[in-house]
């Protein structure tokens, strides 16, 4: 069974640990089963590709997945790392909010 994550595609995050500590980016893809995500411009690796009919041979640089425990959301109000909570609004919607400022993350 997949885990319930507080991170979604399109969220702005910052890296809190590892070789890319301090870098920020946007989540491109989420893997809930393994608690990992792919972040734009973070955890770049080199892949040596074999030639095929559609792709030339060479070394391609691409993003590898990173564990969610090494990431923190960016507060939309202060642009600082923050934790995320959930609350139910008066109109009945369940939304995520930044615990640092109280600002709603979901639109």
N, C-alpha and C. Protein backbone atom coordinates (compact mmCIF):
# COMPACT_ATOMS: atom_id res chain seq x y z
N UNK A 1 0.84 -1.19 0.00
CA UNK A 1 0.00 0.00 0.00
C UNK A 1 0.88 1.25 0.00
N UNK A 2 0.50 2.22 -0.80
CA UNK A 2 1.28 3.46 -0.92
C UNK A 2 1.12 4.32 0.32
N UNK A 3 2.18 5.05 0.68
CA UNK A 3 2.15 5.93 1.84
C UNK A 3 1.48 7.25 1.47
N UNK A 4 0.89 7.91 2.46
CA UNK A 4 0.28 9.22 2.28
C UNK A 4 1.37 10.27 2.45
N UNK A 5 1.66 11.02 1.39
CA UNK A 5 2.71 12.02 1.42
C UNK A 5 2.12 13.42 1.50
N UNK A 6 2.87 14.35 2.06
CA UNK A 6 2.45 15.74 2.11
C UNK A 6 3.05 16.53 0.96
N UNK A 7 3.72 15.86 0.04
CA UNK A 7 4.33 16.52 -1.11
C UNK A 7 3.61 16.10 -2.37
N UNK A 8 3.42 17.08 -3.26
CA UNK A 8 2.74 16.83 -4.52
C UNK A 8 3.55 17.40 -5.67
N UNK A 9 3.23 16.95 -6.86
CA UNK A 9 3.87 17.46 -8.07
C UNK A 9 3.61 18.96 -8.16
N UNK A 10 4.66 19.73 -8.45
CA UNK A 10 4.53 21.17 -8.59
C UNK A 10 4.88 21.96 -7.34
N UNK A 11 5.07 21.28 -6.19
CA UNK A 11 5.43 21.98 -4.95
C UNK A 11 6.86 22.49 -5.03
N UNK A 12 7.11 23.63 -4.41
CA UNK A 12 8.46 24.19 -4.30
C UNK A 12 9.09 23.65 -3.02
N UNK A 13 10.28 23.06 -3.15
CA UNK A 13 10.96 22.46 -2.00
C UNK A 13 12.42 22.89 -1.97
N UNK A 14 13.04 22.71 -0.81
CA UNK A 14 14.47 22.95 -0.65
C UNK A 14 15.10 21.68 -0.08
N UNK A 15 16.35 21.43 -0.42
CA UNK A 15 17.06 20.24 0.05
C UNK A 15 17.70 20.57 1.40
N UNK A 16 17.45 19.72 2.41
CA UNK A 16 17.97 19.96 3.75
C UNK A 16 19.18 19.10 4.09
N UNK A 17 19.47 18.07 3.29
CA UNK A 17 20.60 17.19 3.58
C UNK A 17 21.12 16.58 2.29
N UNK A 18 22.42 16.24 2.28
CA UNK A 18 23.01 15.59 1.13
C UNK A 18 23.90 16.52 0.33
N UNK A 19 24.35 16.05 -0.82
CA UNK A 19 25.30 16.81 -1.63
C UNK A 19 24.71 18.08 -2.21
N UNK A 20 23.40 18.15 -2.35
CA UNK A 20 22.73 19.33 -2.91
C UNK A 20 22.06 20.18 -1.85
N UNK A 21 22.54 20.12 -0.61
CA UNK A 21 21.93 20.86 0.49
C UNK A 21 21.87 22.35 0.16
N UNK A 22 20.69 22.94 0.37
CA UNK A 22 20.51 24.36 0.12
C UNK A 22 19.88 24.67 -1.23
N UNK A 23 19.89 23.73 -2.17
CA UNK A 23 19.30 23.97 -3.48
C UNK A 23 17.78 23.91 -3.39
N UNK A 24 17.11 24.64 -4.26
CA UNK A 24 15.66 24.62 -4.30
C UNK A 24 15.21 24.21 -5.69
N UNK A 25 13.99 23.69 -5.78
CA UNK A 25 13.45 23.29 -7.07
C UNK A 25 12.00 22.90 -6.94
N UNK A 26 11.44 22.51 -8.06
CA UNK A 26 10.03 22.12 -8.13
C UNK A 26 9.94 20.61 -8.30
N UNK A 27 8.98 20.00 -7.64
CA UNK A 27 8.80 18.55 -7.74
C UNK A 27 8.23 18.21 -9.11
N UNK A 28 8.92 17.31 -9.82
CA UNK A 28 8.49 16.88 -11.14
C UNK A 28 7.68 15.60 -11.10
N UNK A 29 8.05 14.69 -10.19
CA UNK A 29 7.40 13.39 -10.12
C UNK A 29 7.49 12.86 -8.70
N UNK A 30 6.46 12.12 -8.27
CA UNK A 30 6.39 11.58 -6.91
C UNK A 30 6.27 10.06 -6.97
N UNK A 31 7.04 9.37 -6.12
CA UNK A 31 6.98 7.91 -6.01
C UNK A 31 6.54 7.56 -4.59
N UNK A 32 5.22 7.46 -4.31
CA UNK A 32 4.74 7.27 -2.94
C UNK A 32 5.16 5.94 -2.31
N UNK A 33 5.34 4.90 -3.11
CA UNK A 33 5.68 3.59 -2.56
C UNK A 33 7.05 3.60 -1.90
N UNK A 34 8.00 4.33 -2.52
CA UNK A 34 9.36 4.36 -2.00
C UNK A 34 9.69 5.67 -1.26
N UNK A 35 8.70 6.55 -1.07
CA UNK A 35 8.90 7.84 -0.38
C UNK A 35 9.98 8.69 -1.05
N UNK A 36 9.98 8.71 -2.37
CA UNK A 36 10.99 9.47 -3.11
C UNK A 36 10.32 10.39 -4.12
N UNK A 37 11.03 11.47 -4.49
CA UNK A 37 10.54 12.40 -5.50
C UNK A 37 11.69 12.80 -6.41
N UNK A 38 11.34 13.31 -7.59
CA UNK A 38 12.33 13.89 -8.50
C UNK A 38 12.12 15.39 -8.48
N UNK A 39 13.20 16.14 -8.19
CA UNK A 39 13.14 17.59 -8.08
C UNK A 39 13.96 18.20 -9.21
N UNK A 40 13.41 19.20 -9.86
CA UNK A 40 14.07 19.87 -10.98
C UNK A 40 15.39 20.50 -10.54
N UNK A 41 16.49 20.08 -11.19
CA UNK A 41 17.81 20.66 -10.93
C UNK A 41 18.53 20.14 -9.70
N UNK A 42 18.00 19.12 -9.05
CA UNK A 42 18.58 18.58 -7.82
C UNK A 42 18.96 17.12 -8.02
N UNK A 43 20.07 16.69 -7.41
CA UNK A 43 20.54 15.30 -7.47
C UNK A 43 20.79 14.86 -8.91
N UNK A 44 21.55 15.66 -9.65
CA UNK A 44 21.86 15.35 -11.04
C UNK A 44 22.85 14.20 -11.12
N UNK A 45 22.60 13.27 -12.06
CA UNK A 45 23.50 12.15 -12.29
C UNK A 45 23.78 12.05 -13.79
N UNK A 46 24.89 11.40 -14.13
CA UNK A 46 25.27 11.20 -15.53
C UNK A 46 24.86 9.80 -15.96
N UNK A 47 24.20 9.70 -17.09
CA UNK A 47 23.79 8.42 -17.65
C UNK A 47 24.47 8.24 -19.01
N UNK A 48 25.16 7.12 -19.16
CA UNK A 48 25.79 6.79 -20.43
C UNK A 48 24.77 6.03 -21.26
N UNK A 49 24.37 6.58 -22.40
CA UNK A 49 23.32 5.96 -23.21
C UNK A 49 23.89 5.33 -24.46
N UNK A 50 23.29 4.23 -24.82
CA UNK A 50 23.65 3.53 -26.03
C UNK A 50 22.86 4.12 -27.19
N UNK A 51 23.43 4.11 -28.38
CA UNK A 51 22.76 4.67 -29.54
C UNK A 51 21.57 3.81 -29.94
N UNK A 52 20.50 4.47 -30.35
CA UNK A 52 19.33 3.78 -30.89
C UNK A 52 18.85 4.58 -32.10
N UNK A 53 17.75 4.18 -32.70
CA UNK A 53 17.27 4.89 -33.88
C UNK A 53 16.82 6.31 -33.56
N UNK A 54 16.33 6.51 -32.36
CA UNK A 54 15.80 7.84 -32.02
C UNK A 54 16.77 8.70 -31.21
N UNK A 55 17.73 8.07 -30.52
CA UNK A 55 18.64 8.81 -29.63
C UNK A 55 20.08 8.50 -29.99
N UNK A 56 20.91 9.54 -30.03
CA UNK A 56 22.34 9.35 -30.29
C UNK A 56 23.03 8.90 -29.01
N UNK A 57 24.17 8.25 -29.18
CA UNK A 57 24.94 7.79 -28.02
C UNK A 57 25.59 8.99 -27.35
N UNK A 58 25.81 8.87 -26.06
CA UNK A 58 26.48 9.95 -25.36
C UNK A 58 26.18 9.92 -23.88
N UNK A 59 26.62 10.94 -23.19
CA UNK A 59 26.41 11.06 -21.75
C UNK A 59 25.31 12.09 -21.52
N UNK A 60 24.27 11.66 -20.85
CA UNK A 60 23.12 12.53 -20.58
C UNK A 60 23.07 12.82 -19.08
N UNK A 61 22.86 14.09 -18.74
CA UNK A 61 22.72 14.48 -17.34
C UNK A 61 21.24 14.61 -17.04
N UNK A 62 20.78 13.92 -15.98
CA UNK A 62 19.38 13.97 -15.61
C UNK A 62 19.22 13.93 -14.10
N UNK A 63 18.03 14.23 -13.62
CA UNK A 63 17.76 14.23 -12.18
C UNK A 63 17.43 12.81 -11.71
N UNK A 64 18.01 12.43 -10.58
CA UNK A 64 17.68 11.16 -9.94
C UNK A 64 16.74 11.45 -8.78
N UNK A 65 16.08 10.42 -8.28
CA UNK A 65 15.13 10.62 -7.18
C UNK A 65 15.87 10.91 -5.88
N UNK A 66 15.18 11.59 -4.97
CA UNK A 66 15.72 11.94 -3.67
C UNK A 66 14.66 11.62 -2.63
N UNK A 67 15.09 11.17 -1.45
CA UNK A 67 14.15 10.78 -0.41
C UNK A 67 13.47 12.01 0.18
N UNK A 68 12.18 11.89 0.51
CA UNK A 68 11.43 13.05 0.99
C UNK A 68 11.90 13.54 2.35
N UNK A 69 12.60 12.70 3.11
CA UNK A 69 13.09 13.14 4.41
C UNK A 69 14.20 14.17 4.27
N UNK A 70 14.78 14.29 3.07
CA UNK A 70 15.84 15.26 2.82
C UNK A 70 15.31 16.55 2.20
N UNK A 71 14.00 16.72 2.19
CA UNK A 71 13.38 17.90 1.58
C UNK A 71 12.50 18.62 2.58
N UNK A 72 12.30 19.93 2.35
CA UNK A 72 11.36 20.72 3.14
C UNK A 72 10.61 21.64 2.19
N UNK A 73 9.33 21.85 2.46
CA UNK A 73 8.53 22.76 1.65
C UNK A 73 9.04 24.18 1.79
N UNK A 74 8.81 24.98 0.77
CA UNK A 74 9.12 26.41 0.82
C UNK A 74 7.83 27.14 1.20
N UNK A 75 7.93 27.97 2.23
CA UNK A 75 6.79 28.77 2.67
C UNK A 75 6.47 29.80 1.58
N UNK A 76 5.23 29.84 1.07
CA UNK A 76 4.92 30.79 -0.01
C UNK A 76 5.00 32.26 0.42
N UNK A 77 4.91 32.54 1.70
CA UNK A 77 4.93 33.91 2.19
C UNK A 77 6.36 34.40 2.46
N UNK A 78 7.20 33.56 3.10
CA UNK A 78 8.53 33.99 3.53
C UNK A 78 9.68 33.38 2.74
N UNK A 79 9.41 32.43 1.87
CA UNK A 79 10.44 31.70 1.10
C UNK A 79 11.45 31.02 1.99
N UNK A 80 11.04 30.56 3.15
CA UNK A 80 11.88 29.82 4.09
C UNK A 80 11.37 28.38 4.17
N UNK A 81 12.23 27.41 4.56
CA UNK A 81 11.77 26.03 4.73
C UNK A 81 10.74 25.96 5.86
N UNK A 82 9.73 25.13 5.68
CA UNK A 82 8.67 25.01 6.67
C UNK A 82 8.11 23.60 6.69
N UNK A 83 7.46 23.28 7.80
CA UNK A 83 6.73 22.03 7.88
C UNK A 83 5.32 22.27 7.36
N UNK A 84 4.61 21.18 7.08
CA UNK A 84 3.30 21.29 6.47
C UNK A 84 2.26 20.63 7.37
N UNK A 85 1.12 21.28 7.51
CA UNK A 85 0.01 20.73 8.24
C UNK A 85 -1.22 20.70 7.36
N UNK A 86 -2.28 20.05 7.83
CA UNK A 86 -3.54 19.99 7.10
C UNK A 86 -4.64 20.57 7.96
N UNK A 87 -5.55 21.29 7.32
CA UNK A 87 -6.71 21.80 8.04
C UNK A 87 -7.90 21.84 7.10
N UNK A 88 -9.08 21.90 7.68
CA UNK A 88 -10.30 21.96 6.91
C UNK A 88 -10.83 23.39 6.98
N UNK A 89 -11.05 23.99 5.83
CA UNK A 89 -11.55 25.35 5.75
C UNK A 89 -13.05 25.39 6.03
N UNK A 90 -13.60 26.59 6.20
CA UNK A 90 -15.03 26.74 6.51
C UNK A 90 -15.92 26.25 5.38
N UNK A 91 -15.41 26.29 4.14
CA UNK A 91 -16.22 25.80 3.02
C UNK A 91 -16.12 24.28 2.84
N UNK A 92 -15.39 23.60 3.74
CA UNK A 92 -15.32 22.14 3.74
C UNK A 92 -14.14 21.55 3.00
N UNK A 93 -13.28 22.39 2.39
CA UNK A 93 -12.11 21.87 1.68
C UNK A 93 -11.00 21.55 2.66
N UNK A 94 -10.31 20.43 2.41
CA UNK A 94 -9.13 20.06 3.20
C UNK A 94 -7.91 20.56 2.44
N UNK A 95 -7.12 21.43 3.08
CA UNK A 95 -5.97 22.04 2.41
C UNK A 95 -4.71 21.87 3.26
N UNK A 96 -3.55 21.98 2.58
CA UNK A 96 -2.28 21.98 3.28
C UNK A 96 -1.89 23.42 3.58
N UNK A 97 -1.22 23.63 4.72
CA UNK A 97 -0.78 24.98 5.06
C UNK A 97 0.63 24.94 5.63
N UNK A 98 1.35 26.05 5.48
CA UNK A 98 2.71 26.17 6.00
C UNK A 98 2.63 26.50 7.48
N UNK A 99 3.28 25.70 8.31
CA UNK A 99 3.23 25.91 9.75
C UNK A 99 4.00 27.15 10.18
N UNK A 100 4.95 27.61 9.39
CA UNK A 100 5.75 28.78 9.74
C UNK A 100 4.89 30.06 9.70
N UNK A 101 4.08 30.21 8.64
CA UNK A 101 3.32 31.46 8.48
C UNK A 101 1.81 31.26 8.52
N UNK A 102 1.35 30.02 8.39
CA UNK A 102 -0.08 29.76 8.34
C UNK A 102 -0.67 29.92 6.96
N UNK A 103 0.15 30.24 5.98
CA UNK A 103 -0.31 30.46 4.61
C UNK A 103 -0.74 29.13 3.97
N UNK A 104 -1.84 29.14 3.21
CA UNK A 104 -2.34 27.93 2.53
C UNK A 104 -1.44 27.64 1.33
N UNK A 105 -1.02 26.36 1.20
CA UNK A 105 -0.16 25.94 0.09
C UNK A 105 -1.01 25.57 -1.11
N UNK A 106 -2.10 24.82 -0.89
CA UNK A 106 -2.97 24.41 -1.99
C UNK A 106 -3.80 25.59 -2.48
N UNK A 107 -4.06 25.61 -3.78
CA UNK A 107 -4.91 26.66 -4.33
C UNK A 107 -6.30 26.12 -4.60
